[in-house]
Every structure is written in structure tokens, then in C-alpha cells.
Amino acid sequence: MKNSEIHEISNIISKELRLFSDPVRLLVPKLLIHAKNRRNFFILFELSKFQSTRNLILKIIKKDQNVTKKLEELIKKRANKALEKKIYFTIKKLRENKTLN
């Protein structure tokens, strides 16, 4: 992901990040580093809200072998229509916020 995208996402989610649990907040910088694009970041972010998938994400990152590839495989396995819909509305909301600011 480009530095400009990382900066943009971090500015947008920083307002709502305080509402999440500590493990989710601590995982965000790692997700920003390893996500290939904005969509992948938001899917991983949503998945990290659940303890079982958060632990799986952390295990992949700790092994530090083909992290991007393994995270993409996780996205393919775990992403479903409900999650995709939630991501769609999150990105839409972020775009609307960006135009308002």
C-alpha cells in the first residue's frame, strides 16, 4: 500500500479507533504495513475484531514468512457476503467523510 493511502486510512480510522478493544488497536499498524490495498486492510480489520481470526492473523505475522500471501489466503477463506457488504458501506462512508472534510 502507498504511504499516502496509509496516511489517509489512519487519519480516517483514528476517530473511531478508540472505540475498539486494545488488541484490535494494537493490530492496526501491523495491518497497515502488510495489507496490499485499502480493501484488504478493511477486510483484515473487520476480521481482527473476532478473537479467533485475530489470533490467526497474529500467528501469520509472527512467522514472518510470505505474510502478504498468507493474509490474502486468509481473506479468501474468511471473506463472505456479509463481510463484503460491511466493507462496501465502510468504504462508502469513508469516501463521504472525505468529501465533507
Protein backbone atom coordinates (compact mmCIF):
# COMPACT_ATOMS: atom_id res chain seq x y z
CA MET A 1 0.00 0.00 0.00
CA LYS A 2 1.23 3.51 -0.74
CA ASN A 3 2.24 5.85 2.05
CA SER A 4 -0.50 8.27 1.04
CA GLU A 5 -3.11 5.51 1.41
CA ILE A 6 -1.74 4.53 4.81
CA HIS A 7 -1.84 8.15 5.95
CA GLU A 8 -5.37 8.61 4.62
CA ILE A 9 -6.71 5.43 6.25
CA SER A 10 -5.01 6.16 9.57
CA ASN A 11 -6.48 9.67 9.64
CA ILE A 12 -9.95 8.35 8.93
CA ILE A 13 -9.99 5.43 11.37
CA SER A 14 -8.23 7.29 14.16
CA LYS A 15 -11.53 8.92 15.13
CA GLU A 16 -13.26 5.58 15.69
CA LEU A 17 -10.27 3.51 16.77
CA ARG A 18 -10.66 4.40 20.44
CA LEU A 19 -13.96 2.50 20.47
CA PHE A 20 -12.29 -0.84 19.79
CA SER A 21 -10.56 -3.18 22.21
CA ASP A 22 -6.83 -2.91 22.87
CA PRO A 23 -5.86 -5.99 20.84
CA VAL A 24 -7.61 -4.58 17.76
CA ARG A 25 -5.99 -1.16 18.20
CA LEU A 26 -2.56 -2.73 18.57
CA LEU A 27 -3.02 -4.79 15.42
CA VAL A 28 -3.92 -1.85 13.16
CA PRO A 29 -0.32 -0.68 12.46
CA LYS A 30 0.68 -4.22 11.51
CA LEU A 31 -2.30 -4.49 9.18
CA LEU A 32 -1.40 -1.17 7.57
CA ILE A 33 2.10 -2.46 6.90
CA HIS A 34 1.11 -5.84 5.47
CA ALA A 35 -2.13 -5.10 3.59
CA LYS A 36 -1.72 -4.79 -0.18
CA ASN A 37 -4.56 -2.31 -0.66
CA ARG A 38 -7.35 -0.48 1.11
CA ARG A 39 -9.90 -3.26 0.59
CA ASN A 40 -7.60 -5.91 2.08
CA PHE A 41 -6.87 -3.67 5.05
CA PHE A 42 -10.56 -3.21 5.83
CA ILE A 43 -11.29 -6.92 5.49
CA LEU A 44 -8.41 -7.76 7.84
CA PHE A 45 -9.53 -5.01 10.19
CA GLU A 46 -13.05 -6.44 10.34
CA LEU A 47 -11.68 -9.95 10.81
CA SER A 48 -9.42 -8.77 13.61
CA LYS A 49 -12.46 -7.85 15.67
CA PHE A 50 -13.00 -11.56 16.34
CA GLN A 51 -10.54 -13.20 18.70
CA SER A 52 -10.08 -16.41 16.72
CA THR A 53 -9.20 -14.69 13.45
CA ARG A 54 -7.17 -12.04 15.27
CA ASN A 55 -5.03 -14.80 16.74
CA LEU A 56 -4.66 -16.35 13.30
CA ILE A 57 -3.59 -13.02 11.82
CA LEU A 58 -1.05 -12.52 14.61
CA LYS A 59 0.31 -16.03 14.09
CA ILE A 60 0.82 -15.33 10.37
CA ILE A 61 2.56 -12.03 11.11
CA LYS A 62 4.81 -13.55 13.80
CA LYS A 63 6.03 -16.31 11.49
CA ASP A 64 7.05 -13.57 9.03
CA GLN A 65 7.14 -15.89 6.02
CA ASN A 66 5.16 -14.78 2.97
CA VAL A 67 2.95 -12.64 5.21
CA THR A 68 1.16 -10.87 2.36
CA LYS A 69 0.42 -14.11 0.54
CA LYS A 70 -0.85 -15.88 3.66
CA LEU A 71 -3.01 -12.91 4.64
CA GLU A 72 -4.55 -12.92 1.16
CA GLU A 73 -5.32 -16.63 1.54
CA LEU A 74 -6.98 -15.87 4.87
CA ILE A 75 -9.05 -13.14 3.23
CA LYS A 76 -10.20 -15.55 0.52
CA LYS A 77 -11.16 -18.19 3.10
CA ARG A 78 -12.90 -15.90 5.60
CA ALA A 79 -14.45 -13.17 3.47
CA ASN A 80 -18.17 -13.72 2.94
CA LYS A 81 -21.04 -11.67 1.53
CA ALA A 82 -21.96 -10.08 4.87
CA LEU A 83 -18.37 -9.00 5.43
CA GLU A 84 -18.05 -7.70 1.87
CA LYS A 85 -21.25 -5.70 2.32
CA LYS A 86 -19.96 -4.22 5.58
CA ILE A 87 -16.67 -3.29 3.90
CA TYR A 88 -18.53 -1.70 1.00
CA PHE A 89 -20.52 0.54 3.33
CA THR A 90 -17.45 1.35 5.42
CA ILE A 91 -15.52 2.48 2.35
CA LYS A 92 -18.56 4.41 1.11
CA LYS A 93 -18.86 6.13 4.49
CA LEU A 94 -15.16 6.98 4.43
CA ARG A 95 -15.43 8.50 0.96
CA GLU A 96 -18.38 10.62 2.06
CA ASN A 97 -16.44 11.75 5.14
CA LYS A 98 -13.51 12.67 2.96
CA THR A 99 -15.65 14.88 0.75
CA LEU A 100 -17.26 16.56 3.76
CA ASN A 101 -13.95 17.44 5.41
